[in-house]
Amino acid sequence: MSSFPVDLLPGLAGSAQWPAARTILDTLKAKGFAAYIVGGALRDLISGHPPGDLDILTDASPDIVNRLFWGEKPRQVGQNFEVSLINGVEVASFRGDSEGGTLEADLG
């Protein structure tokens, strides 16, 4: 039994970005990487609203993400850290302590 009280998949499947996001998630997972839908889409779905945009967080580095999806012409976006825009879906990599950040600093 899931501890999460809301089934989010029907809401995700209704998003225009879901086919692209699903391909990205499946590709990253097939290559052994973790990949998760994150951000405002979850907030929207939990509150019963359709998601505006879908964002993915992965443990694959930005270089790996860009190599895996080079045929989709990924574009680098984001000012503070690298985010790849792939078919309208933003894909960000986990930030680690090697970049000077801590969980405490991220949470404020």
N, C-alpha and C. Protein backbone atom coordinates (compact mmCIF):
# COMPACT_ATOMS: atom_id res chain seq x y z
N MET A 1 0.84 -1.18 0.00
CA MET A 1 0.00 0.00 0.00
C MET A 1 0.88 1.24 0.00
N SER A 2 0.58 2.18 -0.83
CA SER A 2 1.35 3.41 -0.92
C SER A 2 1.04 4.32 0.27
N SER A 3 2.07 4.99 0.76
CA SER A 3 1.84 5.94 1.84
C SER A 3 1.44 7.31 1.30
N PHE A 4 1.49 7.45 -0.03
CA PHE A 4 1.14 8.73 -0.63
C PHE A 4 -0.36 8.75 -0.86
N PRO A 5 -1.06 9.77 -0.36
CA PRO A 5 -2.53 9.76 -0.36
C PRO A 5 -3.20 10.09 -1.69
N VAL A 6 -2.44 10.48 -2.70
CA VAL A 6 -3.06 10.93 -3.95
C VAL A 6 -2.43 10.16 -5.11
N ASP A 7 -3.25 9.64 -6.01
CA ASP A 7 -2.76 9.00 -7.23
C ASP A 7 -2.54 10.10 -8.27
N LEU A 8 -1.28 10.37 -8.59
CA LEU A 8 -0.95 11.50 -9.46
C LEU A 8 -0.90 11.13 -10.94
N LEU A 9 -0.80 9.85 -11.25
CA LEU A 9 -0.61 9.45 -12.64
C LEU A 9 -1.72 9.92 -13.58
N PRO A 10 -3.00 9.83 -13.21
CA PRO A 10 -4.02 10.35 -14.14
C PRO A 10 -3.83 11.83 -14.47
N GLY A 11 -3.45 12.63 -13.50
CA GLY A 11 -3.21 14.05 -13.75
C GLY A 11 -2.00 14.28 -14.62
N LEU A 12 -0.95 13.48 -14.42
CA LEU A 12 0.24 13.60 -15.26
C LEU A 12 -0.08 13.21 -16.69
N ALA A 13 -0.82 12.13 -16.84
CA ALA A 13 -1.15 11.64 -18.18
C ALA A 13 -1.99 12.64 -18.96
N GLY A 14 -2.69 13.53 -18.27
CA GLY A 14 -3.48 14.56 -18.94
C GLY A 14 -2.68 15.77 -19.38
N SER A 15 -1.42 15.83 -18.98
CA SER A 15 -0.57 16.97 -19.34
C SER A 15 -0.05 16.82 -20.76
N ALA A 16 -0.02 17.93 -21.49
CA ALA A 16 0.51 17.90 -22.86
C ALA A 16 1.99 17.52 -22.87
N GLN A 17 2.70 17.77 -21.76
CA GLN A 17 4.13 17.45 -21.69
C GLN A 17 4.39 16.01 -21.26
N TRP A 18 3.37 15.28 -20.85
CA TRP A 18 3.58 13.94 -20.31
C TRP A 18 4.28 13.00 -21.28
N PRO A 19 3.93 12.94 -22.58
CA PRO A 19 4.66 12.01 -23.46
C PRO A 19 6.16 12.28 -23.48
N ALA A 20 6.57 13.54 -23.56
CA ALA A 20 8.00 13.87 -23.55
C ALA A 20 8.62 13.54 -22.20
N ALA A 21 7.92 13.90 -21.12
CA ALA A 21 8.45 13.63 -19.78
C ALA A 21 8.58 12.13 -19.54
N ARG A 22 7.59 11.37 -19.98
CA ARG A 22 7.64 9.91 -19.79
C ARG A 22 8.82 9.31 -20.53
N THR A 23 9.09 9.78 -21.74
CA THR A 23 10.24 9.29 -22.51
C THR A 23 11.54 9.61 -21.78
N ILE A 24 11.65 10.82 -21.24
CA ILE A 24 12.86 11.22 -20.50
C ILE A 24 13.02 10.35 -19.26
N LEU A 25 11.94 10.19 -18.48
CA LEU A 25 12.00 9.36 -17.27
C LEU A 25 12.40 7.93 -17.61
N ASP A 26 11.76 7.35 -18.62
CA ASP A 26 12.04 5.96 -18.99
C ASP A 26 13.48 5.79 -19.48
N THR A 27 13.97 6.75 -20.27
CA THR A 27 15.34 6.67 -20.78
C THR A 27 16.35 6.76 -19.65
N LEU A 28 16.17 7.73 -18.76
CA LEU A 28 17.10 7.87 -17.64
C LEU A 28 17.10 6.63 -16.76
N LYS A 29 15.92 6.11 -16.45
CA LYS A 29 15.83 4.92 -15.60
C LYS A 29 16.43 3.70 -16.29
N ALA A 30 16.24 3.56 -17.60
CA ALA A 30 16.81 2.44 -18.34
C ALA A 30 18.34 2.47 -18.33
N LYS A 31 18.90 3.66 -18.20
CA LYS A 31 20.36 3.82 -18.14
C LYS A 31 20.88 3.75 -16.71
N GLY A 32 20.00 3.46 -15.75
CA GLY A 32 20.42 3.27 -14.36
C GLY A 32 20.40 4.52 -13.50
N PHE A 33 19.79 5.57 -13.98
CA PHE A 33 19.73 6.82 -13.21
C PHE A 33 18.38 6.95 -12.52
N ALA A 34 18.37 7.66 -11.42
CA ALA A 34 17.12 8.02 -10.75
C ALA A 34 16.53 9.21 -11.50
N ALA A 35 15.21 9.28 -11.55
CA ALA A 35 14.55 10.41 -12.21
C ALA A 35 13.16 10.57 -11.61
N TYR A 36 12.83 11.82 -11.28
CA TYR A 36 11.58 12.11 -10.58
C TYR A 36 10.91 13.35 -11.15
N ILE A 37 9.58 13.34 -11.18
CA ILE A 37 8.82 14.56 -11.46
C ILE A 37 8.86 15.39 -10.18
N VAL A 38 9.19 16.68 -10.30
CA VAL A 38 9.32 17.55 -9.13
C VAL A 38 8.65 18.90 -9.40
N GLY A 39 8.62 19.73 -8.37
CA GLY A 39 8.24 21.12 -8.54
C GLY A 39 6.75 21.39 -8.52
N GLY A 40 6.39 22.44 -9.22
CA GLY A 40 5.03 22.94 -9.21
C GLY A 40 4.00 21.96 -9.72
N ALA A 41 4.40 21.03 -10.59
CA ALA A 41 3.45 20.04 -11.09
C ALA A 41 2.89 19.21 -9.94
N LEU A 42 3.75 18.85 -9.00
CA LEU A 42 3.28 18.06 -7.85
C LEU A 42 2.32 18.88 -7.00
N ARG A 43 2.68 20.12 -6.76
CA ARG A 43 1.80 21.00 -5.97
C ARG A 43 0.44 21.12 -6.65
N ASP A 44 0.46 21.34 -7.97
CA ASP A 44 -0.79 21.48 -8.72
C ASP A 44 -1.63 20.21 -8.63
N LEU A 45 -1.01 19.06 -8.84
CA LEU A 45 -1.74 17.80 -8.82
C LEU A 45 -2.31 17.50 -7.45
N ILE A 46 -1.52 17.72 -6.41
CA ILE A 46 -1.99 17.46 -5.05
C ILE A 46 -3.17 18.36 -4.70
N SER A 47 -3.16 19.58 -5.22
CA SER A 47 -4.26 20.51 -4.93
C SER A 47 -5.43 20.35 -5.90
N GLY A 48 -5.35 19.34 -6.79
CA GLY A 48 -6.46 19.05 -7.69
C GLY A 48 -6.50 19.86 -8.97
N HIS A 49 -5.40 20.51 -9.30
CA HIS A 49 -5.33 21.32 -10.52
C HIS A 49 -4.47 20.62 -11.57
N PRO A 50 -4.72 20.86 -12.85
CA PRO A 50 -3.86 20.28 -13.88
C PRO A 50 -2.47 20.92 -13.80
N PRO A 51 -1.42 20.14 -14.03
CA PRO A 51 -0.07 20.70 -13.95
C PRO A 51 0.21 21.66 -15.09
N GLY A 52 0.91 22.75 -14.77
CA GLY A 52 1.30 23.70 -15.80
C GLY A 52 2.44 23.18 -16.64
N ASP A 53 3.53 22.85 -16.00
CA ASP A 53 4.67 22.30 -16.71
C ASP A 53 5.25 21.18 -15.87
N LEU A 54 6.01 20.30 -16.52
CA LEU A 54 6.61 19.17 -15.83
C LEU A 54 8.12 19.37 -15.77
N ASP A 55 8.67 19.20 -14.58
CA ASP A 55 10.11 19.30 -14.36
C ASP A 55 10.60 17.96 -13.83
N ILE A 56 11.81 17.59 -14.23
CA ILE A 56 12.40 16.32 -13.81
C ILE A 56 13.71 16.59 -13.09
N LEU A 57 13.94 15.84 -12.02
CA LEU A 57 15.19 15.88 -11.28
C LEU A 57 15.84 14.52 -11.40
N THR A 58 17.15 14.49 -11.69
CA THR A 58 17.86 13.23 -11.89
C THR A 58 19.24 13.28 -11.25
N ASP A 59 19.80 12.09 -11.02
CA ASP A 59 21.17 12.02 -10.53
C ASP A 59 22.17 11.95 -11.68
N ALA A 60 21.70 11.94 -12.91
CA ALA A 60 22.59 12.01 -14.07
C ALA A 60 23.13 13.43 -14.18
N SER A 61 24.41 13.55 -14.52
CA SER A 61 25.00 14.89 -14.66
C SER A 61 24.41 15.59 -15.88
N PRO A 62 24.51 16.93 -15.92
CA PRO A 62 24.02 17.65 -17.11
C PRO A 62 24.67 17.16 -18.40
N ASP A 63 25.97 16.82 -18.34
CA ASP A 63 26.64 16.32 -19.54
C ASP A 63 26.03 15.01 -20.02
N ILE A 64 25.74 14.11 -19.09
CA ILE A 64 25.12 12.83 -19.46
C ILE A 64 23.72 13.06 -20.01
N VAL A 65 22.95 13.91 -19.36
CA VAL A 65 21.60 14.20 -19.85
C VAL A 65 21.67 14.72 -21.29
N ASN A 66 22.56 15.65 -21.54
CA ASN A 66 22.67 16.23 -22.88
C ASN A 66 23.13 15.20 -23.91
N ARG A 67 24.02 14.26 -23.50
CA ARG A 67 24.45 13.22 -24.43
C ARG A 67 23.32 12.23 -24.72
N LEU A 68 22.57 11.86 -23.68
CA LEU A 68 21.48 10.90 -23.88
C LEU A 68 20.40 11.45 -24.81
N PHE A 69 20.20 12.76 -24.78
CA PHE A 69 19.10 13.36 -25.54
C PHE A 69 19.60 14.31 -26.63
N TRP A 70 20.82 14.11 -27.11
CA TRP A 70 21.40 15.02 -28.10
C TRP A 70 20.51 15.13 -29.34
N GLY A 71 19.82 14.07 -29.72
CA GLY A 71 18.94 14.10 -30.89
C GLY A 71 17.72 15.00 -30.71
N GLU A 72 17.43 15.32 -29.46
CA GLU A 72 16.30 16.20 -29.16
C GLU A 72 16.73 17.66 -29.05
N LYS A 73 18.00 17.92 -29.31
CA LYS A 73 18.56 19.27 -29.26
C LYS A 73 18.31 19.96 -27.91
N PRO A 74 18.85 19.37 -26.83
CA PRO A 74 18.65 20.00 -25.51
C PRO A 74 19.25 21.40 -25.47
N ARG A 75 18.59 22.27 -24.75
CA ARG A 75 19.04 23.66 -24.62
C ARG A 75 19.30 23.93 -23.15
N GLN A 76 20.43 24.56 -22.84
CA GLN A 76 20.77 24.89 -21.46
C GLN A 76 20.00 26.13 -21.01
N VAL A 77 19.31 26.01 -19.89
CA VAL A 77 18.59 27.13 -19.29
C VAL A 77 18.92 27.14 -17.81
N GLY A 78 18.54 28.16 -17.12
CA GLY A 78 18.79 28.25 -15.68
C GLY A 78 19.99 29.13 -15.40
N GLN A 79 19.87 29.96 -14.38
CA GLN A 79 20.93 30.90 -14.07
C GLN A 79 21.87 30.40 -12.98
N ASN A 80 21.36 29.69 -11.98
CA ASN A 80 22.19 29.29 -10.85
C ASN A 80 22.82 27.92 -11.02
N PHE A 81 22.21 27.06 -11.80
CA PHE A 81 22.79 25.75 -12.08
C PHE A 81 22.22 25.26 -13.40
N GLU A 82 22.90 24.29 -13.99
CA GLU A 82 22.52 23.85 -15.33
C GLU A 82 21.20 23.08 -15.33
N VAL A 83 20.33 23.49 -16.20
CA VAL A 83 19.07 22.80 -16.44
C VAL A 83 18.97 22.62 -17.95
N SER A 84 18.62 21.42 -18.38
CA SER A 84 18.45 21.15 -19.80
C SER A 84 16.97 21.20 -20.14
N LEU A 85 16.63 21.91 -21.19
CA LEU A 85 15.26 21.95 -21.69
C LEU A 85 15.18 20.97 -22.85
N ILE A 86 14.37 19.92 -22.67
CA ILE A 86 14.26 18.86 -23.67
C ILE A 86 12.78 18.72 -24.02
N ASN A 87 12.44 19.07 -25.24
CA ASN A 87 11.04 18.98 -25.70
C ASN A 87 10.08 19.65 -24.73
N GLY A 88 10.47 20.80 -24.20
CA GLY A 88 9.62 21.57 -23.30
C GLY A 88 9.66 21.15 -21.85
N VAL A 89 10.43 20.12 -21.51
CA VAL A 89 10.54 19.62 -20.14
C VAL A 89 11.90 20.02 -19.58
N GLU A 90 11.91 20.66 -18.40
CA GLU A 90 13.17 21.03 -17.76
C GLU A 90 13.71 19.83 -16.98
N VAL A 91 14.99 19.51 -17.22
CA VAL A 91 15.65 18.40 -16.54
C VAL A 91 16.84 18.96 -15.77
N ALA A 92 16.80 18.84 -14.45
CA ALA A 92 17.87 19.33 -13.58
C ALA A 92 18.56 18.15 -12.92
N SER A 93 19.84 18.34 -12.62
CA SER A 93 20.61 17.32 -11.91
C SER A 93 20.67 17.66 -10.44
N PHE A 94 20.76 16.59 -9.60
CA PHE A 94 20.94 16.81 -8.17
C PHE A 94 22.14 17.71 -7.96
N ARG A 95 22.03 18.62 -7.02
CA ARG A 95 23.19 19.42 -6.63
C ARG A 95 23.79 18.76 -5.40
N GLY A 96 25.11 18.66 -5.37
CA GLY A 96 25.76 17.99 -4.25
C GLY A 96 26.63 18.92 -3.44
N ASP A 97 27.16 18.38 -2.37
CA ASP A 97 28.05 19.15 -1.51
C ASP A 97 29.31 19.59 -2.24
N SER A 98 29.66 18.90 -3.33
CA SER A 98 30.85 19.29 -4.08
C SER A 98 30.71 20.69 -4.65
N GLU A 99 29.49 21.18 -4.74
CA GLU A 99 29.25 22.53 -5.25
C GLU A 99 29.13 23.53 -4.11
N GLY A 100 29.42 23.07 -2.89
CA GLY A 100 29.40 23.98 -1.75
C GLY A 100 28.07 24.09 -1.06
N GLY A 101 27.04 23.41 -1.55
CA GLY A 101 25.73 23.50 -0.94
C GLY A 101 25.52 22.45 0.13
N THR A 102 24.59 22.71 0.99
CA THR A 102 24.18 21.74 2.00
C THR A 102 22.66 21.67 1.99
N LEU A 103 22.14 20.61 2.54
CA LEU A 103 20.69 20.49 2.65
C LEU A 103 20.13 21.64 3.46
N GLU A 104 20.82 21.99 4.54
CA GLU A 104 20.36 23.08 5.39
C GLU A 104 20.30 24.40 4.61
N ALA A 105 21.32 24.65 3.79
CA ALA A 105 21.33 25.88 3.00
C ALA A 105 20.21 25.88 1.96
N ASP A 106 19.97 24.71 1.33
CA ASP A 106 18.90 24.62 0.34
C ASP A 106 17.53 24.88 0.96
N LEU A 107 17.35 24.42 2.20
CA LEU A 107 16.06 24.57 2.86
C LEU A 107 15.89 25.92 3.53
N GLY A 108 16.98 26.68 3.62
CA GLY A 108 16.91 28.03 4.17
C GLY A 108 16.93 28.03 5.65
